[in-house]
Amino acid sequence: MSGKDGFNFSLLIARIANVKDYLSQRQKPIGLVLLGLIIISGGIWGALNYKKNPEIKIVEKTDQHQETVSQDENQTSNKIIVDVSGAVKNPDVYSLDENSRIQDALDQAGGLSEEADLDLISKNINFAEKIFDGQKIYFTKKSADNSQNPNQESFSQTETAPSKISLNKASYEQLDSLPGIGEKRAKAIIDNRPYQALEDLITRKIIPSSVFEKIKEQIIL
């Protein structure tokens, strides 16, 4: 059949029928192709999500690690270092908790040794006093003369030894009279009481070593 302009409708209908048959025959392969595309898309989506999850876990572990490091730093910062020397069994530098007392430092050093001057220590050291970082704690030893003949030493000191100035008890005027001290350093000595050792004047940077050498024979705790 032909139209007025010579177009063949019969041929068009035949071609449409051929296309329909072709699509009908190819319907199953096309379905398989679509199914394959869906599976591949699902696999890609799953792989992308799998990569994201480990990153989240790593961040969590990093946070936990930072928290642990922070706790360790806090624990470290709560420690102080002190130097325990003199009449103790194990003189050394020790690490203690920041709220420790002189008694705790003495326990770490094994307690007092046999050469400890118990009378002088009991009078001048407060075992309940808190210690601070960098502190030097000195426990006085018996002098050689005193350990051999205590009575003779006591008599000798009473008769001939000049009176010494106490760092913990002396007045402002007494401290000011010491060579190299003066008004400013006398006030600093009073402000930094009490002292456990004469050397505290140096370790606490109250006076220089040169001045300490001048007055060390004239002072006591």
C-alpha atoms as a PDB file:
ATOM      1  CA  MET A   1       0.000   0.000   0.000  1.00  0.00           C
ATOM      2  CA  SER A   2       1.378   3.432  -0.929  1.00  0.00           C
ATOM      3  CA  GLY A   3       0.295   6.902   0.150  1.00  0.00           C
ATOM      4  CA  LYS A   4      -0.380   9.788  -2.074  1.00  0.00           C
ATOM      5  CA  ASP A   5       3.233  10.926  -1.839  1.00  0.00           C
ATOM      6  CA  GLY A   6       4.508   7.401  -2.624  1.00  0.00           C
ATOM      7  CA  PHE A   7       5.266   6.394   1.015  1.00  0.00           C
ATOM      8  CA  ASN A   8       5.029   2.595   1.476  1.00  0.00           C
ATOM      9  CA  PHE A   9       3.000   1.952   4.704  1.00  0.00           C
ATOM     10  CA  SER A  10       3.211  -1.822   4.299  1.00  0.00           C
ATOM     11  CA  LEU A  11       6.984  -1.693   4.439  1.00  0.00           C
ATOM     12  CA  LEU A  12       6.895   0.499   7.598  1.00  0.00           C
ATOM     13  CA  ILE A  13       4.512  -1.896   9.351  1.00  0.00           C
ATOM     14  CA  ALA A  14       6.742  -4.838   8.455  1.00  0.00           C
ATOM     15  CA  ARG A  15       9.821  -3.131   9.895  1.00  0.00           C
ATOM     16  CA  ILE A  16       8.017  -2.264  13.126  1.00  0.00           C
ATOM     17  CA  ALA A  17       7.034  -5.907  13.456  1.00  0.00           C
ATOM     18  CA  ASN A  18      10.668  -6.942  12.950  1.00  0.00           C
ATOM     19  CA  VAL A  19      11.834  -4.529  15.647  1.00  0.00           C
ATOM     20  CA  LYS A  20       9.158  -5.865  18.018  1.00  0.00           C
ATOM     21  CA  ASP A  21      10.301  -9.432  17.400  1.00  0.00           C
ATOM     22  CA  TYR A  22      13.931  -8.421  17.955  1.00  0.00           C
ATOM     23  CA  LEU A  23      13.161  -6.756  21.248  1.00  0.00           C
ATOM     24  CA  SER A  24      11.103  -9.736  22.317  1.00  0.00           C
ATOM     25  CA  GLN A  25      14.011 -12.064  21.587  1.00  0.00           C
ATOM     26  CA  ARG A  26      16.505  -9.761  23.415  1.00  0.00           C
ATOM     27  CA  GLN A  27      14.339  -9.092  26.472  1.00  0.00           C
ATOM     28  CA  LYS A  28      16.037 -11.700  28.690  1.00  0.00           C
ATOM     29  CA  PRO A  29      19.656 -10.647  27.926  1.00  0.00           C
ATOM     30  CA  ILE A  30      18.743  -7.019  28.565  1.00  0.00           C
ATOM     31  CA  GLY A  31      17.273  -8.000  31.944  1.00  0.00           C
ATOM     32  CA  LEU A  32      20.467  -9.805  32.851  1.00  0.00           C
ATOM     33  CA  VAL A  33      22.494  -6.774  31.879  1.00  0.00           C
ATOM     34  CA  LEU A  34      20.348  -4.539  34.083  1.00  0.00           C
ATOM     35  CA  LEU A  35      20.664  -6.993  36.982  1.00  0.00           C
ATOM     36  CA  GLY A  36      24.432  -7.024  36.539  1.00  0.00           C
ATOM     37  CA  LEU A  37      24.549  -3.236  36.613  1.00  0.00           C
ATOM     38  CA  ILE A  38      22.524  -3.204  39.839  1.00  0.00           C
ATOM     39  CA  ILE A  39      24.879  -5.732  41.476  1.00  0.00           C
ATOM     40  CA  ILE A  40      27.968  -3.786  40.403  1.00  0.00           C
ATOM     41  CA  SER A  41      26.479  -0.523  41.679  1.00  0.00           C
ATOM     42  CA  GLY A  42      25.685  -2.172  45.005  1.00  0.00           C
ATOM     43  CA  GLY A  43      29.244  -3.485  45.283  1.00  0.00           C
ATOM     44  CA  ILE A  44      30.730  -0.049  44.625  1.00  0.00           C
ATOM     45  CA  TRP A  45      28.439   1.561  47.210  1.00  0.00           C
ATOM     46  CA  GLY A  46      29.377  -1.094  49.792  1.00  0.00           C
ATOM     47  CA  ALA A  47      33.106  -0.647  49.139  1.00  0.00           C
ATOM     48  CA  LEU A  48      32.864   3.115  49.620  1.00  0.00           C
ATOM     49  CA  ASN A  49      31.039   2.693  52.937  1.00  0.00           C
ATOM     50  CA  TYR A  50      33.547   0.072  54.082  1.00  0.00           C
ATOM     51  CA  LYS A  51      36.397   2.558  53.593  1.00  0.00           C
ATOM     52  CA  LYS A  52      34.614   5.244  55.565  1.00  0.00           C
ATOM     53  CA  ASN A  53      33.983   3.144  58.684  1.00  0.00           C
ATOM     54  CA  PRO A  54      37.658   2.378  59.477  1.00  0.00           C
ATOM     55  CA  GLU A  55      38.427   6.115  59.335  1.00  0.00           C
ATOM     56  CA  ILE A  56      35.837   6.740  62.054  1.00  0.00           C
ATOM     57  CA  LYS A  57      37.362   4.007  64.230  1.00  0.00           C
ATOM     58  CA  ILE A  58      40.850   5.451  63.777  1.00  0.00           C
ATOM     59  CA  VAL A  59      39.626   8.844  64.954  1.00  0.00           C
ATOM     60  CA  GLU A  60      38.087   7.216  68.018  1.00  0.00           C
ATOM     61  CA  LYS A  61      41.332   5.409  68.813  1.00  0.00           C
ATOM     62  CA  THR A  62      43.278   8.633  68.356  1.00  0.00           C
ATOM     63  CA  ASP A  63      40.993  10.402  70.816  1.00  0.00           C
ATOM     64  CA  GLN A  64      41.448   7.578  73.319  1.00  0.00           C
ATOM     65  CA  HIS A  65      45.223   7.755  72.867  1.00  0.00           C
ATOM     66  CA  GLN A  66      45.230  11.515  73.455  1.00  0.00           C
ATOM     67  CA  GLU A  67      43.127  11.036  76.580  1.00  0.00           C
ATOM     68  CA  THR A  68      45.557   8.392  77.865  1.00  0.00           C
ATOM     69  CA  VAL A  69      48.550  10.653  77.173  1.00  0.00           C
ATOM     70  CA  SER A  70      46.790  13.506  78.965  1.00  0.00           C
ATOM     71  CA  GLN A  71      46.175  11.301  82.010  1.00  0.00           C
ATOM     72  CA  ASP A  72      49.824  10.197  82.027  1.00  0.00           C
ATOM     73  CA  GLU A  73      50.967  13.824  81.897  1.00  0.00           C
ATOM     74  CA  ASN A  74      48.680  14.704  84.795  1.00  0.00           C
ATOM     75  CA  GLN A  75      50.048  11.814  86.820  1.00  0.00           C
ATOM     76  CA  THR A  76      53.608  12.876  86.019  1.00  0.00           C
ATOM     77  CA  SER A  77      52.907  16.489  86.970  1.00  0.00           C
ATOM     78  CA  ASN A  78      51.707  15.336  90.425  1.00  0.00           C
ATOM     79  CA  LYS A  79      55.206  14.087  91.341  1.00  0.00           C
ATOM     80  CA  ILE A  80      57.949  16.128  92.991  1.00  0.00           C
ATOM     81  CA  ILE A  81      61.688  15.498  93.285  1.00  0.00           C
ATOM     82  CA  VAL A  82      63.512  15.982  96.598  1.00  0.00           C
ATOM     83  CA  ASP A  83      67.086  15.441  97.774  1.00  0.00           C
ATOM     84  CA  VAL A  84      67.300  13.594 101.099  1.00  0.00           C
ATOM     85  CA  SER A  85      70.747  13.630 102.707  1.00  0.00           C
ATOM     86  CA  GLY A  86      72.614  13.667 105.995  1.00  0.00           C
ATOM     87  CA  ALA A  87      71.979  11.117 108.748  1.00  0.00           C
ATOM     88  CA  VAL A  88      69.731   8.747 106.762  1.00  0.00           C
ATOM     89  CA  LYS A  89      70.328   5.142 105.752  1.00  0.00           C
ATOM     90  CA  ASN A  90      69.915   5.690 102.008  1.00  0.00           C
ATOM     91  CA  PRO A  91      70.650   9.316 101.049  1.00  0.00           C
ATOM     92  CA  ASP A  92      69.515   9.942  97.483  1.00  0.00           C
ATOM     93  CA  VAL A  93      67.163  11.897  95.213  1.00  0.00           C
ATOM     94  CA  TYR A  94      63.575  10.626  95.452  1.00  0.00           C
ATOM     95  CA  SER A  95      60.313  11.091  93.537  1.00  0.00           C
ATOM     96  CA  LEU A  96      57.270  11.558  95.797  1.00  0.00           C
ATOM     97  CA  ASP A  97      53.643  12.657  95.548  1.00  0.00           C
ATOM     98  CA  GLU A  98      53.223  16.431  95.618  1.00  0.00           C
ATOM     99  CA  ASN A  99      51.348  16.361  98.948  1.00  0.00           C
ATOM    100  CA  SER A 100      54.029  14.331 100.720  1.00  0.00           C
ATOM    101  CA  ARG A 101      55.482  15.276 104.112  1.00  0.00           C
ATOM    102  CA  ILE A 102      59.022  15.252 105.454  1.00  0.00           C
ATOM    103  CA  GLN A 103      58.221  11.950 107.171  1.00  0.00           C
ATOM    104  CA  ASP A 104      57.402  10.404 103.766  1.00  0.00           C
ATOM    105  CA  ALA A 105      60.766  11.520 102.397  1.00  0.00           C
ATOM    106  CA  LEU A 106      62.531  10.074 105.441  1.00  0.00           C
ATOM    107  CA  ASP A 107      60.718   6.744 104.971  1.00  0.00           C
ATOM    108  CA  GLN A 108      61.845   6.621 101.335  1.00  0.00           C
ATOM    109  CA  ALA A 109      65.436   7.128 102.494  1.00  0.00           C
ATOM    110  CA  GLY A 110      65.175   4.169 104.887  1.00  0.00           C
ATOM    111  CA  GLY A 111      64.826   6.177 108.097  1.00  0.00           C
ATOM    112  CA  LEU A 112      67.446   7.820 110.295  1.00  0.00           C
ATOM    113  CA  SER A 113      70.895   6.283 110.587  1.00  0.00           C
ATOM    114  CA  GLU A 114      72.825   5.644 113.817  1.00  0.00           C
ATOM    115  CA  GLU A 115      74.809   8.859 113.377  1.00  0.00           C
ATOM    116  CA  ALA A 116      71.673  11.041 113.469  1.00  0.00           C
ATOM    117  CA  ASP A 117      71.590  13.784 116.086  1.00  0.00           C
ATOM    118  CA  LEU A 118      68.125  12.912 117.397  1.00  0.00           C
ATOM    119  CA  ASP A 119      67.933  15.797 119.847  1.00  0.00           C
ATOM    120  CA  LEU A 120      68.792  18.442 117.278  1.00  0.00           C
ATOM    121  CA  ILE A 121      66.578  16.865 114.609  1.00  0.00           C
ATOM    122  CA  SER A 122      63.561  16.664 116.907  1.00  0.00           C
ATOM    123  CA  LYS A 123      63.956  20.343 117.818  1.00  0.00           C
ATOM    124  CA  ASN A 124      64.412  21.721 114.311  1.00  0.00           C
ATOM    125  CA  ILE A 125      62.505  19.458 111.924  1.00  0.00           C
ATOM    126  CA  ASN A 126      58.733  19.287 111.645  1.00  0.00           C
ATOM    127  CA  PHE A 127      58.083  15.825 110.226  1.00  0.00           C
ATOM    128  CA  ALA A 128      54.483  16.776 109.342  1.00  0.00           C
ATOM    129  CA  GLU A 129      55.566  19.669 107.119  1.00  0.00           C
ATOM    130  CA  LYS A 130      54.735  19.418 103.402  1.00  0.00           C
ATOM    131  CA  ILE A 131      57.677  19.248 101.030  1.00  0.00           C
ATOM    132  CA  PHE A 132      58.080  21.004  97.680  1.00  0.00           C
ATOM    133  CA  ASP A 133      59.696  20.191  94.339  1.00  0.00           C
ATOM    134  CA  GLY A 134      63.471  20.646  94.309  1.00  0.00           C
ATOM    135  CA  GLN A 135      63.752  20.746  98.109  1.00  0.00           C
ATOM    136  CA  LYS A 136      66.870  19.509  99.895  1.00  0.00           C
ATOM    137  CA  ILE A 137      66.114  17.847 103.237  1.00  0.00           C
ATOM    138  CA  TYR A 138      69.141  17.431 105.492  1.00  0.00           C
ATOM    139  CA  PHE A 139      69.079  15.434 108.721  1.00  0.00           C
ATOM    140  CA  THR A 140      71.828  16.569 111.075  1.00  0.00           C
ATOM    141  CA  LYS A 141      74.589  14.138 112.055  1.00  0.00           C
ATOM    142  CA  LYS A 142      76.308  13.974 115.413  1.00  0.00           C
ATOM    143  CA  SER A 143      79.622  15.803 115.435  1.00  0.00           C
ATOM    144  CA  ALA A 144      82.747  13.688 115.892  1.00  0.00           C
ATOM    145  CA  ASP A 145      83.586  15.291 119.244  1.00  0.00           C
ATOM    146  CA  ASN A 146      80.045  14.993 120.536  1.00  0.00           C
ATOM    147  CA  SER A 147      79.828  11.283 119.656  1.00  0.00           C
ATOM    148  CA  GLN A 148      83.062  10.551 121.576  1.00  0.00           C
ATOM    149  CA  ASN A 149      82.374  12.593 124.692  1.00  0.00           C
ATOM    150  CA  PRO A 150      78.995  14.357 124.762  1.00  0.00           C
ATOM    151  CA  ASN A 151      79.517  15.904 128.211  1.00  0.00           C
ATOM    152  CA  GLN A 152      82.888  17.400 127.332  1.00  0.00           C
ATOM    153  CA  GLU A 153      81.536  18.851 124.095  1.00  0.00           C
ATOM    154  CA  SER A 154      78.599  20.398 125.869  1.00  0.00           C
ATOM    155  CA  PHE A 155      80.887  22.016 128.440  1.00  0.00           C
ATOM    156  CA  SER A 156      83.262  23.285 125.782  1.00  0.00           C
ATOM    157  CA  GLN A 157      80.469  24.907 123.827  1.00  0.00           C
ATOM    158  CA  THR A 158      79.089  26.563 126.925  1.00  0.00           C
ATOM    159  CA  GLU A 159      82.436  27.961 128.018  1.00  0.00           C
ATOM    160  CA  THR A 160      84.224  29.015 124.839  1.00  0.00           C
ATOM    161  CA  ALA A 161      82.060  28.683 121.745  1.00  0.00           C
ATOM    162  CA  PRO A 162      80.571  31.972 120.491  1.00  0.00           C
ATOM    163  CA  SER A 163      76.797  32.102 120.252  1.00  0.00           C
ATOM    164  CA  LYS A 164      75.453  31.279 116.807  1.00  0.00           C
ATOM    165  CA  ILE A 165      72.485  32.882 115.109  1.00  0.00           C
ATOM    166  CA  SER A 166      69.438  30.691 114.460  1.00  0.00           C
ATOM    167  CA  LEU A 167      67.958  30.904 110.952  1.00  0.00           C
ATOM    168  CA  ASN A 168      64.531  29.911 112.269  1.00  0.00           C
ATOM    169  CA  LYS A 169      64.468  32.045 115.451  1.00  0.00           C
ATOM    170  CA  ALA A 170      66.834  35.003 115.052  1.00  0.00           C
ATOM    171  CA  SER A 171      65.510  38.541 114.927  1.00  0.00           C
ATOM    172  CA  TYR A 172      65.842  40.844 111.952  1.00  0.00           C
ATOM    173  CA  GLU A 173      68.658  42.767 113.691  1.00  0.00           C
ATOM    174  CA  GLN A 174      70.627  39.589 114.451  1.00  0.00           C
ATOM    175  CA  LEU A 175      70.468  38.409 110.847  1.00  0.00           C
ATOM    176  CA  ASP A 176      71.352  41.871 109.563  1.00  0.00           C
ATOM    177  CA  SER A 177      74.539  41.767 111.648  1.00  0.00           C
ATOM    178  CA  LEU A 178      75.912  38.781 109.712  1.00  0.00           C
ATOM    179  CA  PRO A 179      78.594  39.605 107.115  1.00  0.00           C
ATOM    180  CA  GLY A 180      77.210  40.015 103.603  1.00  0.00           C
ATOM    181  CA  ILE A 181      73.538  39.789 104.653  1.00  0.00           C
ATOM    182  CA  GLY A 182      72.191  43.305 105.064  1.00  0.00           C
ATOM    183  CA  GLU A 183      68.589  44.464 105.360  1.00  0.00           C
ATOM    184  CA  LYS A 184      67.197  42.921 102.163  1.00  0.00           C
ATOM    185  CA  ARG A 185      68.648  39.453 102.697  1.00  0.00           C
ATOM    186  CA  ALA A 186      67.754  39.452 106.397  1.00  0.00           C
ATOM    187  CA  LYS A 187      64.118  40.055 105.443  1.00  0.00           C
ATOM    188  CA  ALA A 188      64.292  37.301 102.785  1.00  0.00           C
ATOM    189  CA  ILE A 189      65.642  34.826 105.358  1.00  0.00           C
ATOM    190  CA  ILE A 190      62.742  35.567 107.710  1.00  0.00           C
ATOM    191  CA  ASP A 191      60.132  35.396 104.923  1.00  0.00           C
ATOM    192  CA  ASN A 192      61.321  31.939 103.817  1.00  0.00           C
ATOM    193  CA  ARG A 193      61.215  30.219 107.220  1.00  0.00           C
ATOM    194  CA  PRO A 194      61.285  27.456 108.348  1.00  0.00           C
ATOM    195  CA  TYR A 195      64.543  25.794 107.263  1.00  0.00           C
ATOM    196  CA  GLN A 196      65.507  22.129 107.515  1.00  0.00           C
ATOM    197  CA  ALA A 197      69.148  22.628 106.555  1.00  0.00           C
ATOM    198  CA  LEU A 198      71.599  25.512 106.430  1.00  0.00           C
ATOM    199  CA  GLU A 199      72.062  24.800 102.740  1.00  0.00           C
ATOM    200  CA  ASP A 200      68.432  25.826 102.161  1.00  0.00           C
ATOM    201  CA  LEU A 201      69.756  29.387 101.944  1.00  0.00           C
ATOM    202  CA  ILE A 202      71.484  28.380  98.711  1.00  0.00           C
ATOM    203  CA  THR A 203      68.969  25.914  97.248  1.00  0.00           C
ATOM    204  CA  ARG A 204      66.159  28.431  97.712  1.00  0.00           C
ATOM    205  CA  LYS A 205      68.391  31.133  96.179  1.00  0.00           C
ATOM    206  CA  ILE A 206      68.105  33.425  99.195  1.00  0.00           C
ATOM    207  CA  ILE A 207      71.841  34.176  99.315  1.00  0.00           C
ATOM    208  CA  PRO A 208      74.721  33.352  96.939  1.00  0.00           C
ATOM    209  CA  SER A 209      77.272  30.658  97.743  1.00  0.00           C
ATOM    210  CA  SER A 210      79.998  33.239  98.397  1.00  0.00           C
ATOM    211  CA  VAL A 211      77.979  34.822 101.220  1.00  0.00           C
ATOM    212  CA  PHE A 212      77.017  31.411 102.625  1.00  0.00           C
ATOM    213  CA  GLU A 213      80.702  30.486 102.968  1.00  0.00           C
ATOM    214  CA  LYS A 214      81.235  33.610 105.087  1.00  0.00           C
ATOM    215  CA  ILE A 215      78.389  32.961 107.529  1.00  0.00           C
ATOM    216  CA  LYS A 216      78.007  29.159 107.673  1.00  0.00           C
ATOM    217  CA  GLU A 217      80.156  28.920 110.834  1.00  0.00           C
ATOM    218  CA  GLN A 218      78.084  31.604 112.536  1.00  0.00           C
ATOM    219  CA  ILE A 219      74.586  30.175 111.979  1.00  0.00           C
ATOM    220  CA  ILE A 220      72.468  27.249 113.121  1.00  0.00           C
ATOM    221  CA  LEU A 221      68.940  26.101 112.359  1.00  0.00           C
END
